[in-house]
């Protein structure tokens, strides 16, 4: 029996999944009709624009936090800036690309010490930077699922990122 083990490349898997999600999310942004980008449903949902702004804003926050720039002022005013930037689908795609690239670079270039450093998350919980990166990537997946649901409410049953 061999005693040789191989390590799991956590940075590689997480950054690769981030790149995959960026492509999937972009396809789903493009599948939302332009005239429905800011619509809400049922009176209490957030629009595709707002969901994407939330995903992009948190991705930005985590990338900067991993790089040592922890912004304690993550609040409704911050979200308004990102909603404005994502007010068009083109702006949303550009923001998604910019901030996913920044997170990818932060994950792949940070030292082990940087990724293990504890950061206070916007919700007040002390969390290792690598876990915040994992949450940010999962957060994209979560909001992409919401875009898929909006598409289905609009009568579009295709899985756009599989093509």
Foldseek 3Di string as FASTA:
>chain_A
DDPDDDDDPLLVVLLVLLVLLLLLLLLLLVLDDFVQQQPDPPPDGGGLLLLLLVLLLLLQQLLVVLVPNHDLPPDPVSSVVSSVQSVGSVSSSVSSVVSSVSLSCSSVPHDPCSQQDWDQDNVGDTDGSVVSSVVSSVSSVVSSVVSCVVCVVVVHNDSRSVD
